[in-house]
C-alpha atoms as a PDB file:
ATOM      1  CA  MET A   1     -57.436 -33.337   2.357  1.00  0.00           C
ATOM      2  CA  ARG A   2     -59.849 -31.582   0.066  1.00  0.00           C
ATOM      3  CA  LYS A   3     -62.919 -29.454   0.489  1.00  0.00           C
ATOM      4  CA  PRO A   4     -65.566 -30.133   1.691  1.00  0.00           C
ATOM      5  CA  ALA A   5     -63.944 -32.581   4.131  1.00  0.00           C
ATOM      6  CA  ALA A   6     -64.089 -31.126   7.646  1.00  0.00           C
ATOM      7  CA  GLY A   7     -60.398 -31.854   8.146  1.00  0.00           C
ATOM      8  CA  ALA A   8     -59.471 -29.451   5.352  1.00  0.00           C
ATOM      9  CA  TYR A   9     -60.959 -26.518   7.237  1.00  0.00           C
ATOM     10  CA  GLN A  10     -59.424 -27.588  10.535  1.00  0.00           C
ATOM     11  CA  ALA A  11     -56.026 -27.865   8.845  1.00  0.00           C
ATOM     12  CA  ALA A  12     -56.378 -24.299   7.570  1.00  0.00           C
ATOM     13  CA  VAL A  13     -57.337 -23.036  11.027  1.00  0.00           C
ATOM     14  CA  THR A  14     -54.388 -24.841  12.575  1.00  0.00           C
ATOM     15  CA  HIS A  15     -51.966 -23.608   9.927  1.00  0.00           C
ATOM     16  CA  LEU A  16     -53.116 -19.997  10.197  1.00  0.00           C
ATOM     17  CA  GLN A  17     -53.196 -20.111  14.013  1.00  0.00           C
ATOM     18  CA  VAL A  18     -56.339 -18.000  14.043  1.00  0.00           C
ATOM     19  CA  PRO A  19     -59.639 -18.973  15.693  1.00  0.00           C
ATOM     20  CA  ALA A  20     -62.099 -20.334  13.134  1.00  0.00           C
ATOM     21  CA  GLN A  21     -64.699 -17.686  13.967  1.00  0.00           C
ATOM     22  CA  GLN A  22     -62.220 -14.979  12.905  1.00  0.00           C
ATOM     23  CA  LEU A  23     -61.759 -16.448   9.414  1.00  0.00           C
ATOM     24  CA  ILE A  24     -63.891 -15.758   6.357  1.00  0.00           C
ATOM     25  CA  PHE A  25     -64.186 -18.474   3.737  1.00  0.00           C
ATOM     26  CA  VAL A  26     -65.365 -17.596   0.222  1.00  0.00           C
ATOM     27  CA  ASP A  27     -66.219 -20.236  -2.374  1.00  0.00           C
ATOM     28  CA  ASP A  28     -68.580 -20.644  -5.304  1.00  0.00           C
ATOM     29  CA  ARG A  29     -69.760 -24.132  -4.307  1.00  0.00           C
ATOM     30  CA  GLN A  30     -72.498 -24.362  -1.689  1.00  0.00           C
ATOM     31  CA  PRO A  31     -71.290 -27.693  -0.214  1.00  0.00           C
ATOM     32  CA  ASN A  32     -67.905 -26.092   0.521  1.00  0.00           C
ATOM     33  CA  VAL A  33     -69.546 -23.015   2.051  1.00  0.00           C
ATOM     34  CA  ASP A  34     -71.794 -25.210   4.211  1.00  0.00           C
ATOM     35  CA  ALA A  35     -68.841 -27.310   5.399  1.00  0.00           C
ATOM     36  CA  ALA A  36     -66.801 -24.212   6.255  1.00  0.00           C
ATOM     37  CA  ALA A  37     -69.694 -22.791   8.248  1.00  0.00           C
ATOM     38  CA  ALA A  38     -70.112 -26.122  10.054  1.00  0.00           C
ATOM     39  CA  ALA A  39     -66.402 -25.929  10.968  1.00  0.00           C
ATOM     40  CA  GLY A  40     -66.997 -22.544  12.593  1.00  0.00           C
ATOM     41  CA  LEU A  41     -65.735 -20.238   9.847  1.00  0.00           C
ATOM     42  CA  LYS A  42     -67.725 -17.307   8.542  1.00  0.00           C
ATOM     43  CA  ALA A  43     -68.663 -18.431   5.049  1.00  0.00           C
ATOM     44  CA  ILE A  44     -69.881 -16.671   1.926  1.00  0.00           C
ATOM     45  CA  ARG A  45     -70.976 -18.185  -1.364  1.00  0.00           C
ATOM     46  CA  PHE A  46     -69.474 -16.248  -4.256  1.00  0.00           C
ATOM     47  CA  THR A  47     -72.019 -15.965  -7.046  1.00  0.00           C
ATOM     48  CA  GLY A  48     -69.782 -14.215  -9.562  1.00  0.00           C
ATOM     49  CA  CYS A  49     -70.656 -10.656  -8.606  1.00  0.00           C
ATOM     50  CA  ALA A  50     -67.721  -8.817  -7.042  1.00  0.00           C
ATOM     51  CA  LYS A  51     -69.947  -5.973  -5.821  1.00  0.00           C
ATOM     52  CA  THR A  52     -72.187  -8.397  -3.924  1.00  0.00           C
ATOM     53  CA  LEU A  53     -69.141 -10.057  -2.347  1.00  0.00           C
ATOM     54  CA  GLU A  54     -67.771  -6.672  -1.331  1.00  0.00           C
ATOM     55  CA  GLU A  55     -71.106  -5.768   0.291  1.00  0.00           C
ATOM     56  CA  GLU A  56     -71.243  -9.074   2.184  1.00  0.00           C
ATOM     57  CA  LEU A  57     -67.680  -8.603   3.432  1.00  0.00           C
ATOM     58  CA  GLN A  58     -68.509  -5.075   4.560  1.00  0.00           C
ATOM     59  CA  GLN A  59     -71.526  -6.434   6.449  1.00  0.00           C
ATOM     60  CA  MET A  60     -69.082  -8.699   8.293  1.00  0.00           C
ATOM     61  CA  GLY A  61     -67.098  -5.642   9.350  1.00  0.00           C
ATOM     62  CA  LEU A  62     -64.344  -5.541   6.742  1.00  0.00           C
ATOM     63  CA  GLU A  63     -63.455  -2.152   5.345  1.00  0.00           C
ATOM     64  CA  PHE A  64     -61.826  -1.425   2.008  1.00  0.00           C
END
């Protein structure tokens, strides 16, 4: 399976044995981000700016 197929995200959730809503998916392609969000994952589109990504992750409760 490949992104953005829904089965790809479900396979990751199953493999990791973590509820989808506890996972954060980061990708630079909007269709992949949309599909991950539809599968129940928290999803962020990476735009190439590491500082912006860090801020978004912190807003989700991650600390560095």
